[in-house]
C-alpha atoms as a PDB file:
ATOM      1  CA  UNK A   1      20.987  27.978  38.444  1.00  0.00           C
ATOM      2  CA  UNK A   2      22.348  24.758  39.966  1.00  0.00           C
ATOM      3  CA  UNK A   3      24.451  22.584  37.653  1.00  0.00           C
ATOM      4  CA  UNK A   4      22.955  19.277  36.478  1.00  0.00           C
ATOM      5  CA  UNK A   5      26.190  17.383  36.659  1.00  0.00           C
ATOM      6  CA  UNK A   6      26.965  14.989  39.553  1.00  0.00           C
ATOM      7  CA  UNK A   7      29.394  16.055  42.267  1.00  0.00           C
ATOM      8  CA  UNK A   8      32.419  14.054  43.624  1.00  0.00           C
ATOM      9  CA  UNK A   9      32.498  16.075  46.788  1.00  0.00           C
ATOM     10  CA  UNK A  10      33.365  14.339  49.948  1.00  0.00           C
ATOM     11  CA  UNK A  11      30.525  15.913  51.912  1.00  0.00           C
ATOM     12  CA  UNK A  12      27.018  15.102  50.883  1.00  0.00           C
ATOM     13  CA  UNK A  13      23.786  16.981  52.162  1.00  0.00           C
ATOM     14  CA  UNK A  14      22.895  16.373  55.778  1.00  0.00           C
ATOM     15  CA  UNK A  15      19.925  16.954  58.036  1.00  0.00           C
ATOM     16  CA  UNK A  16      20.053  19.017  61.235  1.00  0.00           C
ATOM     17  CA  UNK A  17      20.142  15.856  63.228  1.00  0.00           C
ATOM     18  CA  UNK A  18      22.915  14.547  61.190  1.00  0.00           C
ATOM     19  CA  UNK A  19      24.783  17.681  61.695  1.00  0.00           C
ATOM     20  CA  UNK A  20      24.372  17.700  65.393  1.00  0.00           C
ATOM     21  CA  UNK A  21      25.807  13.993  65.621  1.00  0.00           C
ATOM     22  CA  UNK A  22      28.904  15.497  63.693  1.00  0.00           C
ATOM     23  CA  UNK A  23      29.302  18.356  66.214  1.00  0.00           C
ATOM     24  CA  UNK A  24      27.760  21.009  63.803  1.00  0.00           C
ATOM     25  CA  UNK A  25      25.369  23.228  65.620  1.00  0.00           C
ATOM     26  CA  UNK A  26      22.419  25.313  64.330  1.00  0.00           C
ATOM     27  CA  UNK A  27      24.387  28.507  64.402  1.00  0.00           C
ATOM     28  CA  UNK A  28      27.011  27.064  61.979  1.00  0.00           C
ATOM     29  CA  UNK A  29      24.311  25.552  59.719  1.00  0.00           C
ATOM     30  CA  UNK A  30      22.804  29.155  59.517  1.00  0.00           C
ATOM     31  CA  UNK A  31      26.187  30.535  58.705  1.00  0.00           C
ATOM     32  CA  UNK A  32      27.832  30.924  55.291  1.00  0.00           C
ATOM     33  CA  UNK A  33      29.437  27.692  55.654  1.00  0.00           C
ATOM     34  CA  UNK A  34      26.263  25.972  54.661  1.00  0.00           C
ATOM     35  CA  UNK A  35      23.395  26.455  52.299  1.00  0.00           C
ATOM     36  CA  UNK A  36      20.048  25.236  52.967  1.00  0.00           C
ATOM     37  CA  UNK A  37      18.449  23.041  50.304  1.00  0.00           C
ATOM     38  CA  UNK A  38      15.220  22.237  51.949  1.00  0.00           C
ATOM     39  CA  UNK A  39      13.708  22.973  55.381  1.00  0.00           C
ATOM     40  CA  UNK A  40      16.192  20.933  57.721  1.00  0.00           C
ATOM     41  CA  UNK A  41      18.585  19.884  54.998  1.00  0.00           C
ATOM     42  CA  UNK A  42      21.891  21.512  54.379  1.00  0.00           C
ATOM     43  CA  UNK A  43      24.947  21.355  52.088  1.00  0.00           C
ATOM     44  CA  UNK A  44      28.337  22.612  52.899  1.00  0.00           C
ATOM     45  CA  UNK A  45      28.995  25.773  50.956  1.00  0.00           C
ATOM     46  CA  UNK A  46      32.086  24.201  49.685  1.00  0.00           C
ATOM     47  CA  UNK A  47      30.405  21.632  47.689  1.00  0.00           C
ATOM     48  CA  UNK A  48      29.113  22.347  44.370  1.00  0.00           C
ATOM     49  CA  UNK A  49      25.302  22.768  43.984  1.00  0.00           C
ATOM     50  CA  UNK A  50      24.406  20.129  41.370  1.00  0.00           C
ATOM     51  CA  UNK A  51      21.475  17.923  40.346  1.00  0.00           C
ATOM     52  CA  UNK A  52      22.980  15.057  42.446  1.00  0.00           C
ATOM     53  CA  UNK A  53      23.218  17.285  45.430  1.00  0.00           C
ATOM     54  CA  UNK A  54      19.662  18.267  45.265  1.00  0.00           C
ATOM     55  CA  UNK A  55      18.399  14.734  44.755  1.00  0.00           C
ATOM     56  CA  UNK A  56      20.555  13.346  47.657  1.00  0.00           C
ATOM     57  CA  UNK A  57      19.142  16.156  49.935  1.00  0.00           C
ATOM     58  CA  UNK A  58      15.486  15.279  48.887  1.00  0.00           C
ATOM     59  CA  UNK A  59      16.047  11.575  49.696  1.00  0.00           C
ATOM     60  CA  UNK A  60      16.914  12.582  53.194  1.00  0.00           C
ATOM     61  CA  UNK A  61      13.235  13.867  53.750  1.00  0.00           C
ATOM     62  CA  UNK A  62      11.338  11.534  51.374  1.00  0.00           C
ATOM     63  CA  UNK A  63       9.785   8.205  52.067  1.00  0.00           C
ATOM     64  CA  UNK A  64      12.101   5.188  51.210  1.00  0.00           C
ATOM     65  CA  UNK A  65       9.965   4.288  48.216  1.00  0.00           C
ATOM     66  CA  UNK A  66      10.386   7.723  46.637  1.00  0.00           C
ATOM     67  CA  UNK A  67      12.042   7.726  43.236  1.00  0.00           C
ATOM     68  CA  UNK A  68      12.932  10.298  40.541  1.00  0.00           C
ATOM     69  CA  UNK A  69      10.530  10.579  37.553  1.00  0.00           C
ATOM     70  CA  UNK A  70       9.746  12.694  34.434  1.00  0.00           C
ATOM     71  CA  UNK A  71      12.332  15.379  33.842  1.00  0.00           C
ATOM     72  CA  UNK A  72      14.408  14.593  36.977  1.00  0.00           C
ATOM     73  CA  UNK A  73      14.792  10.899  35.897  1.00  0.00           C
ATOM     74  CA  UNK A  74      15.749  12.133  32.380  1.00  0.00           C
ATOM     75  CA  UNK A  75      18.509  14.368  33.784  1.00  0.00           C
ATOM     76  CA  UNK A  76      19.877  11.907  36.054  1.00  0.00           C
ATOM     77  CA  UNK A  77      20.342   9.686  32.988  1.00  0.00           C
ATOM     78  CA  UNK A  78      22.232  12.412  31.075  1.00  0.00           C
ATOM     79  CA  UNK A  79      19.888  14.937  29.682  1.00  0.00           C
ATOM     80  CA  UNK A  80      21.491  18.339  29.548  1.00  0.00           C
ATOM     81  CA  UNK A  81      18.167  20.311  29.116  1.00  0.00           C
ATOM     82  CA  UNK A  82      15.618  21.819  31.425  1.00  0.00           C
ATOM     83  CA  UNK A  83      15.553  23.454  34.865  1.00  0.00           C
ATOM     84  CA  UNK A  84      16.752  21.438  37.681  1.00  0.00           C
ATOM     85  CA  UNK A  85      13.966  22.648  39.924  1.00  0.00           C
ATOM     86  CA  UNK A  86      11.486  21.528  40.948  1.00  0.00           C
ATOM     87  CA  UNK A  87      12.626  18.086  41.500  1.00  0.00           C
ATOM     88  CA  UNK A  88      10.100  15.401  40.341  1.00  0.00           C
ATOM     89  CA  UNK A  89       9.651  12.462  42.525  1.00  0.00           C
ATOM     90  CA  UNK A  90       6.917   9.676  42.840  1.00  0.00           C
ATOM     91  CA  UNK A  91       5.822   7.965  46.019  1.00  0.00           C
ATOM     92  CA  UNK A  92       2.984   5.814  47.006  1.00  0.00           C
ATOM     93  CA  UNK A  93       2.887   7.380  50.400  1.00  0.00           C
ATOM     94  CA  UNK A  94       0.576  10.044  51.485  1.00  0.00           C
ATOM     95  CA  UNK A  95       3.474  12.563  52.220  1.00  0.00           C
ATOM     96  CA  UNK A  96       2.638  16.159  51.110  1.00  0.00           C
ATOM     97  CA  UNK A  97       5.150  18.520  49.980  1.00  0.00           C
ATOM     98  CA  UNK A  98       4.657  22.193  50.106  1.00  0.00           C
ATOM     99  CA  UNK A  99       8.122  22.940  49.115  1.00  0.00           C
ATOM    100  CA  UNK A 100       8.478  24.791  45.767  1.00  0.00           C
ATOM    101  CA  UNK A 101      11.630  22.885  44.941  1.00  0.00           C
ATOM    102  CA  UNK A 102       9.901  19.403  45.072  1.00  0.00           C
ATOM    103  CA  UNK A 103       6.967  17.971  43.280  1.00  0.00           C
ATOM    104  CA  UNK A 104       5.390  14.584  44.458  1.00  0.00           C
ATOM    105  CA  UNK A 105       3.390  12.492  42.221  1.00  0.00           C
ATOM    106  CA  UNK A 106       1.089   9.853  43.886  1.00  0.00           C
ATOM    107  CA  UNK A 107       1.725   6.401  42.524  1.00  0.00           C
ATOM    108  CA  UNK A 108       3.828   3.538  43.329  1.00  0.00           C
ATOM    109  CA  UNK A 109       7.198   3.910  41.670  1.00  0.00           C
ATOM    110  CA  UNK A 110       8.178   1.251  39.346  1.00  0.00           C
ATOM    111  CA  UNK A 111      11.122   0.698  36.964  1.00  0.00           C
ATOM    112  CA  UNK A 112      10.228   2.652  33.872  1.00  0.00           C
ATOM    113  CA  UNK A 113      12.185   3.193  30.649  1.00  0.00           C
ATOM    114  CA  UNK A 114      13.529   6.494  29.835  1.00  0.00           C
ATOM    115  CA  UNK A 115      11.113   7.024  27.029  1.00  0.00           C
ATOM    116  CA  UNK A 116       8.265   6.255  29.525  1.00  0.00           C
ATOM    117  CA  UNK A 117       9.800   9.111  31.536  1.00  0.00           C
ATOM    118  CA  UNK A 118       9.766  11.231  28.604  1.00  0.00           C
ATOM    119  CA  UNK A 119       6.065  10.553  28.023  1.00  0.00           C
ATOM    120  CA  UNK A 120       5.369  11.495  31.607  1.00  0.00           C
ATOM    121  CA  UNK A 121       7.268  14.841  31.192  1.00  0.00           C
ATOM    122  CA  UNK A 122       5.531  15.396  27.917  1.00  0.00           C
ATOM    123  CA  UNK A 123       2.040  15.226  29.642  1.00  0.00           C
ATOM    124  CA  UNK A 124       2.874  18.346  31.813  1.00  0.00           C
ATOM    125  CA  UNK A 125       4.995  20.658  29.554  1.00  0.00           C
ATOM    126  CA  UNK A 126       4.604  22.638  26.268  1.00  0.00           C
ATOM    127  CA  UNK A 127       4.556  20.860  22.781  1.00  0.00           C
ATOM    128  CA  UNK A 128       7.760  22.741  21.903  1.00  0.00           C
ATOM    129  CA  UNK A 129       9.590  21.686  25.009  1.00  0.00           C
ATOM    130  CA  UNK A 130       8.386  18.050  24.755  1.00  0.00           C
ATOM    131  CA  UNK A 131       9.592  17.724  21.083  1.00  0.00           C
ATOM    132  CA  UNK A 132      13.026  19.514  21.956  1.00  0.00           C
ATOM    133  CA  UNK A 133      13.379  17.007  24.824  1.00  0.00           C
ATOM    134  CA  UNK A 134      12.610  13.986  22.739  1.00  0.00           C
ATOM    135  CA  UNK A 135      15.041  15.202  19.960  1.00  0.00           C
ATOM    136  CA  UNK A 136      17.682  15.835  22.409  1.00  0.00           C
ATOM    137  CA  UNK A 137      17.330  12.450  23.954  1.00  0.00           C
ATOM    138  CA  UNK A 138      17.706  10.774  20.648  1.00  0.00           C
ATOM    139  CA  UNK A 139      20.728  12.761  19.837  1.00  0.00           C
ATOM    140  CA  UNK A 140      22.423  11.640  22.965  1.00  0.00           C
ATOM    141  CA  UNK A 141      21.343   8.036  22.342  1.00  0.00           C
ATOM    142  CA  UNK A 142      19.386   7.888  25.596  1.00  0.00           C
ATOM    143  CA  UNK A 143      16.350   6.706  23.721  1.00  0.00           C
ATOM    144  CA  UNK A 144      15.954   5.211  20.205  1.00  0.00           C
ATOM    145  CA  UNK A 145      13.771   6.789  17.506  1.00  0.00           C
ATOM    146  CA  UNK A 146      11.755   3.639  17.308  1.00  0.00           C
ATOM    147  CA  UNK A 147      10.933   3.910  20.967  1.00  0.00           C
ATOM    148  CA  UNK A 148       9.597   7.333  20.482  1.00  0.00           C
ATOM    149  CA  UNK A 149       7.727   6.483  17.387  1.00  0.00           C
ATOM    150  CA  UNK A 150       5.894   3.795  19.479  1.00  0.00           C
ATOM    151  CA  UNK A 151       4.266   6.489  21.412  1.00  0.00           C
ATOM    152  CA  UNK A 152       2.372   7.942  18.511  1.00  0.00           C
ATOM    153  CA  UNK A 153      -0.451   5.813  19.794  1.00  0.00           C
ATOM    154  CA  UNK A 154      -0.161   7.002  23.488  1.00  0.00           C
ATOM    155  CA  UNK A 155      -3.548   7.477  25.109  1.00  0.00           C
ATOM    156  CA  UNK A 156      -2.788  11.100  26.015  1.00  0.00           C
ATOM    157  CA  UNK A 157      -2.844  13.544  23.057  1.00  0.00           C
ATOM    158  CA  UNK A 158      -0.058  15.754  24.209  1.00  0.00           C
ATOM    159  CA  UNK A 159       2.337  12.728  24.061  1.00  0.00           C
ATOM    160  CA  UNK A 160       1.081  11.664  20.650  1.00  0.00           C
ATOM    161  CA  UNK A 161       1.404  14.842  19.057  1.00  0.00           C
ATOM    162  CA  UNK A 162       4.969  15.347  20.403  1.00  0.00           C
ATOM    163  CA  UNK A 163       6.009  11.860  19.350  1.00  0.00           C
ATOM    164  CA  UNK A 164       4.587  12.520  15.812  1.00  0.00           C
ATOM    165  CA  UNK A 165       6.699  15.748  15.633  1.00  0.00           C
ATOM    166  CA  UNK A 166       9.901  14.325  17.199  1.00  0.00           C
ATOM    167  CA  UNK A 167      12.701  13.467  14.889  1.00  0.00           C
ATOM    168  CA  UNK A 168      16.404  12.151  15.102  1.00  0.00           C
ATOM    169  CA  UNK A 169      19.314  14.086  13.551  1.00  0.00           C
ATOM    170  CA  UNK A 170      18.792  17.616  15.395  1.00  0.00           C
ATOM    171  CA  UNK A 171      22.286  18.446  17.069  1.00  0.00           C
ATOM    172  CA  UNK A 172      20.983  21.352  18.960  1.00  0.00           C
ATOM    173  CA  UNK A 173      17.888  22.663  20.541  1.00  0.00           C
ATOM    174  CA  UNK A 174      17.709  25.635  18.181  1.00  0.00           C
ATOM    175  CA  UNK A 175      17.656  23.253  15.124  1.00  0.00           C
ATOM    176  CA  UNK A 176      14.471  21.630  16.582  1.00  0.00           C
ATOM    177  CA  UNK A 177      12.789  24.793  17.265  1.00  0.00           C
ATOM    178  CA  UNK A 178      13.617  26.062  13.559  1.00  0.00           C
ATOM    179  CA  UNK A 179      12.322  22.858  12.108  1.00  0.00           C
ATOM    180  CA  UNK A 180       9.042  22.965  14.153  1.00  0.00           C
ATOM    181  CA  UNK A 181       8.694  26.549  13.180  1.00  0.00           C
ATOM    182  CA  UNK A 182       8.761  25.821   9.491  1.00  0.00           C
ATOM    183  CA  UNK A 183       6.597  22.572   9.643  1.00  0.00           C
ATOM    184  CA  UNK A 184       3.908  23.944  11.905  1.00  0.00           C
ATOM    185  CA  UNK A 185       3.510  26.844   9.668  1.00  0.00           C
ATOM    186  CA  UNK A 186       2.650  24.327   6.824  1.00  0.00           C
ATOM    187  CA  UNK A 187       5.991  24.355   4.928  1.00  0.00           C
ATOM    188  CA  UNK A 188       7.564  21.090   3.850  1.00  0.00           C
ATOM    189  CA  UNK A 189       9.799  19.378   6.462  1.00  0.00           C
ATOM    190  CA  UNK A 190      13.389  19.980   5.807  1.00  0.00           C
ATOM    191  CA  UNK A 191      15.969  17.143   5.748  1.00  0.00           C
ATOM    192  CA  UNK A 192      18.346  17.313   8.661  1.00  0.00           C
ATOM    193  CA  UNK A 193      22.257  17.202   8.712  1.00  0.00           C
ATOM    194  CA  UNK A 194      22.661  17.218   4.864  1.00  0.00           C
ATOM    195  CA  UNK A 195      25.993  16.788   3.491  1.00  0.00           C
ATOM    196  CA  UNK A 196      26.935  18.375   0.225  1.00  0.00           C
ATOM    197  CA  UNK A 197      29.925  17.815  -2.219  1.00  0.00           C
ATOM    198  CA  UNK A 198      31.419  19.569  -5.130  1.00  0.00           C
ATOM    199  CA  UNK A 199      34.331  18.398  -7.546  1.00  0.00           C
ATOM    200  CA  UNK A 200      36.778  19.044  -4.931  1.00  0.00           C
ATOM    201  CA  UNK A 201      35.069  16.926  -2.340  1.00  0.00           C
ATOM    202  CA  UNK A 202      33.278  17.406   0.898  1.00  0.00           C
ATOM    203  CA  UNK A 203      31.747  21.024   1.075  1.00  0.00           C
ATOM    204  CA  UNK A 204      29.990  20.809   4.458  1.00  0.00           C
ATOM    205  CA  UNK A 205      27.213  19.299   6.573  1.00  0.00           C
ATOM    206  CA  UNK A 206      24.332  21.701   6.913  1.00  0.00           C
ATOM    207  CA  UNK A 207      21.577  21.815   9.709  1.00  0.00           C
ATOM    208  CA  UNK A 208      18.646  21.556   7.411  1.00  0.00           C
ATOM    209  CA  UNK A 209      18.029  21.564   3.814  1.00  0.00           C
ATOM    210  CA  UNK A 210      15.441  21.226   0.897  1.00  0.00           C
ATOM    211  CA  UNK A 211      17.729  19.286  -1.546  1.00  0.00           C
ATOM    212  CA  UNK A 212      14.991  19.399  -4.318  1.00  0.00           C
ATOM    213  CA  UNK A 213      14.980  23.132  -4.195  1.00  0.00           C
ATOM    214  CA  UNK A 214      18.613  23.543  -3.362  1.00  0.00           C
ATOM    215  CA  UNK A 215      18.081  25.401  -0.104  1.00  0.00           C
ATOM    216  CA  UNK A 216      20.234  25.149   2.822  1.00  0.00           C
ATOM    217  CA  UNK A 217      19.407  26.429   6.330  1.00  0.00           C
ATOM    218  CA  UNK A 218      22.106  27.170   9.004  1.00  0.00           C
ATOM    219  CA  UNK A 219      21.252  28.024  12.489  1.00  0.00           C
ATOM    220  CA  UNK A 220      24.380  29.827  13.745  1.00  0.00           C
ATOM    221  CA  UNK A 221      25.339  30.091  17.329  1.00  0.00           C
ATOM    222  CA  UNK A 222      27.343  33.035  18.459  1.00  0.00           C
ATOM    223  CA  UNK A 223      30.518  30.853  18.285  1.00  0.00           C
ATOM    224  CA  UNK A 224      30.255  31.088  14.510  1.00  0.00           C
ATOM    225  CA  UNK A 225      30.927  34.976  14.754  1.00  0.00           C
ATOM    226  CA  UNK A 226      33.329  35.057  17.652  1.00  0.00           C
ATOM    227  CA  UNK A 227      35.595  32.156  16.664  1.00  0.00           C
ATOM    228  CA  UNK A 228      37.710  33.472  13.741  1.00  0.00           C
ATOM    229  CA  UNK A 229      38.528  30.030  12.392  1.00  0.00           C
ATOM    230  CA  UNK A 230      35.001  28.852  12.369  1.00  0.00           C
ATOM    231  CA  UNK A 231      33.915  32.183  10.832  1.00  0.00           C
ATOM    232  CA  UNK A 232      36.453  31.652   8.036  1.00  0.00           C
ATOM    233  CA  UNK A 233      35.362  28.044   7.367  1.00  0.00           C
ATOM    234  CA  UNK A 234      31.618  29.114   7.287  1.00  0.00           C
ATOM    235  CA  UNK A 235      32.536  31.734   4.462  1.00  0.00           C
ATOM    236  CA  UNK A 236      34.432  29.263   2.438  1.00  0.00           C
ATOM    237  CA  UNK A 237      31.809  26.680   2.650  1.00  0.00           C
ATOM    238  CA  UNK A 238      28.947  28.862   2.024  1.00  0.00           C
ATOM    239  CA  UNK A 239      30.614  30.192  -1.183  1.00  0.00           C
ATOM    240  CA  UNK A 240      31.325  26.690  -2.464  1.00  0.00           C
ATOM    241  CA  UNK A 241      27.571  25.791  -1.721  1.00  0.00           C
ATOM    242  CA  UNK A 242      26.463  28.813  -3.658  1.00  0.00           C
ATOM    243  CA  UNK A 243      28.682  27.957  -6.488  1.00  0.00           C
ATOM    244  CA  UNK A 244      26.704  24.774  -6.773  1.00  0.00           C
ATOM    245  CA  UNK A 245      23.453  26.784  -7.061  1.00  0.00           C
ATOM    246  CA  UNK A 246      22.333  26.495  -3.314  1.00  0.00           C
ATOM    247  CA  UNK A 247      20.811  29.276  -1.551  1.00  0.00           C
ATOM    248  CA  UNK A 248      21.932  29.480   2.033  1.00  0.00           C
ATOM    249  CA  UNK A 249      19.668  30.906   4.580  1.00  0.00           C
ATOM    250  CA  UNK A 250      21.473  31.832   7.876  1.00  0.00           C
ATOM    251  CA  UNK A 251      19.386  32.214  11.040  1.00  0.00           C
ATOM    252  CA  UNK A 252      20.776  33.513  14.436  1.00  0.00           C
ATOM    253  CA  UNK A 253      19.206  33.712  17.885  1.00  0.00           C
ATOM    254  CA  UNK A 254      18.551  37.501  17.221  1.00  0.00           C
ATOM    255  CA  UNK A 255      16.743  36.845  14.025  1.00  0.00           C
ATOM    256  CA  UNK A 256      14.709  34.080  15.520  1.00  0.00           C
ATOM    257  CA  UNK A 257      13.056  36.577  18.108  1.00  0.00           C
ATOM    258  CA  UNK A 258      10.758  37.235  15.290  1.00  0.00           C
ATOM    259  CA  UNK A 259      10.049  33.506  14.120  1.00  0.00           C
ATOM    260  CA  UNK A 260       7.383  34.204  11.600  1.00  0.00           C
ATOM    261  CA  UNK A 261       9.866  36.477   9.655  1.00  0.00           C
ATOM    262  CA  UNK A 262      12.109  33.420   9.282  1.00  0.00           C
ATOM    263  CA  UNK A 263       9.159  31.287   7.975  1.00  0.00           C
ATOM    264  CA  UNK A 264       8.608  34.190   5.420  1.00  0.00           C
ATOM    265  CA  UNK A 265      12.272  33.955   4.317  1.00  0.00           C
ATOM    266  CA  UNK A 266      12.285  30.297   3.853  1.00  0.00           C
ATOM    267  CA  UNK A 267       8.924  30.477   2.011  1.00  0.00           C
ATOM    268  CA  UNK A 268      10.254  33.138  -0.390  1.00  0.00           C
ATOM    269  CA  UNK A 269      13.399  30.997  -1.164  1.00  0.00           C
ATOM    270  CA  UNK A 270      11.157  28.016  -1.785  1.00  0.00           C
ATOM    271  CA  UNK A 271       8.889  29.983  -4.078  1.00  0.00           C
ATOM    272  CA  UNK A 272      11.816  31.400  -6.061  1.00  0.00           C
ATOM    273  CA  UNK A 273      13.183  27.731  -6.486  1.00  0.00           C
ATOM    274  CA  UNK A 274       9.971  26.487  -7.830  1.00  0.00           C
ATOM    275  CA  UNK A 275       7.981  25.298  -4.811  1.00  0.00           C
ATOM    276  CA  UNK A 276       4.178  25.492  -5.548  1.00  0.00           C
ATOM    277  CA  UNK A 277       2.840  23.780  -2.463  1.00  0.00           C
ATOM    278  CA  UNK A 278       0.609  25.504   0.103  1.00  0.00           C
ATOM    279  CA  UNK A 279       1.502  28.830   1.590  1.00  0.00           C
ATOM    280  CA  UNK A 280       2.714  29.220   5.074  1.00  0.00           C
ATOM    281  CA  UNK A 281       0.010  29.897   7.608  1.00  0.00           C
ATOM    282  CA  UNK A 282      -0.164  31.094  11.283  1.00  0.00           C
ATOM    283  CA  UNK A 283      -2.136  27.985  12.404  1.00  0.00           C
ATOM    284  CA  UNK A 284      -3.552  27.963  15.940  1.00  0.00           C
ATOM    285  CA  UNK A 285      -0.820  25.439  16.719  1.00  0.00           C
ATOM    286  CA  UNK A 286       1.875  27.602  15.264  1.00  0.00           C
ATOM    287  CA  UNK A 287       0.599  30.707  17.163  1.00  0.00           C
ATOM    288  CA  UNK A 288       0.442  28.658  20.445  1.00  0.00           C
ATOM    289  CA  UNK A 289       3.860  27.511  20.114  1.00  0.00           C
ATOM    290  CA  UNK A 290       5.800  30.602  18.758  1.00  0.00           C
ATOM    291  CA  UNK A 291       3.807  33.649  19.262  1.00  0.00           C
ATOM    292  CA  UNK A 292       4.282  35.624  22.550  1.00  0.00           C
ATOM    293  CA  UNK A 293       1.147  35.686  24.741  1.00  0.00           C
ATOM    294  CA  UNK A 294       0.740  39.232  24.471  1.00  0.00           C
ATOM    295  CA  UNK A 295       0.589  39.155  20.699  1.00  0.00           C
ATOM    296  CA  UNK A 296      -1.963  36.396  20.730  1.00  0.00           C
ATOM    297  CA  UNK A 297      -4.220  38.485  22.983  1.00  0.00           C
ATOM    298  CA  UNK A 298      -4.147  41.270  20.517  1.00  0.00           C
ATOM    299  CA  UNK A 299      -5.446  39.243  17.716  1.00  0.00           C
END
């Protein structure tokens, strides 16, 4: 997959006409010295294939008014999530694009805020992706929590729903997904990035927690296992947390392949700790978000 980072290369994309003016013939453009971005647009193979390269190449074949929108605009601003392709552009022209790498939206491009670009993205993606992107934008401080909250009255229901579920504080995509997995199943919403202390001082900051029931939830990436220092620190802080009476639920990518089992793990811990609220439920929204299509078809 192409990188989303900008390129400082000295040779930007060029069209066949531009190449000819530089003395580069069609045979050379078809060689391993160049890669084709679009029909008639090429990038020297020595240059990194980045989001900036794709956008620069697209501008060579798009009308002058064309502007990046939605996910492409967010990525250009610094969002580090999502596929680079297809690029999303808006134009008031009647130009049609049959290129799979390029989607054109028919409206006059105007200056829009990043939260407006998120709303545009949220109208054409899944609820899980829309909330994940919103959480990431807030974490990167590209948009404010207040600006996202203002969209809870958006005319499009998909945007309203995503804005209602978005939260600041998630430091990873996996944390957002785990939080949604629990709340869409009807369990209480956990607090995020909770710090705990003992008599010796700071114990640690945990991804999610139910302080009332003394339950901590950690979504552990593979670095927690492969980094010996991190692994040792985790052992110590988990022991200190348990000494304070906390239950520590550890979740990994492998365990999250069965999201409902993780819901049941948390629900069981809550029940043991005295939670008497409603039971977890595979609601239609939870199923649409977390169950594979093939499983939904069997039901």
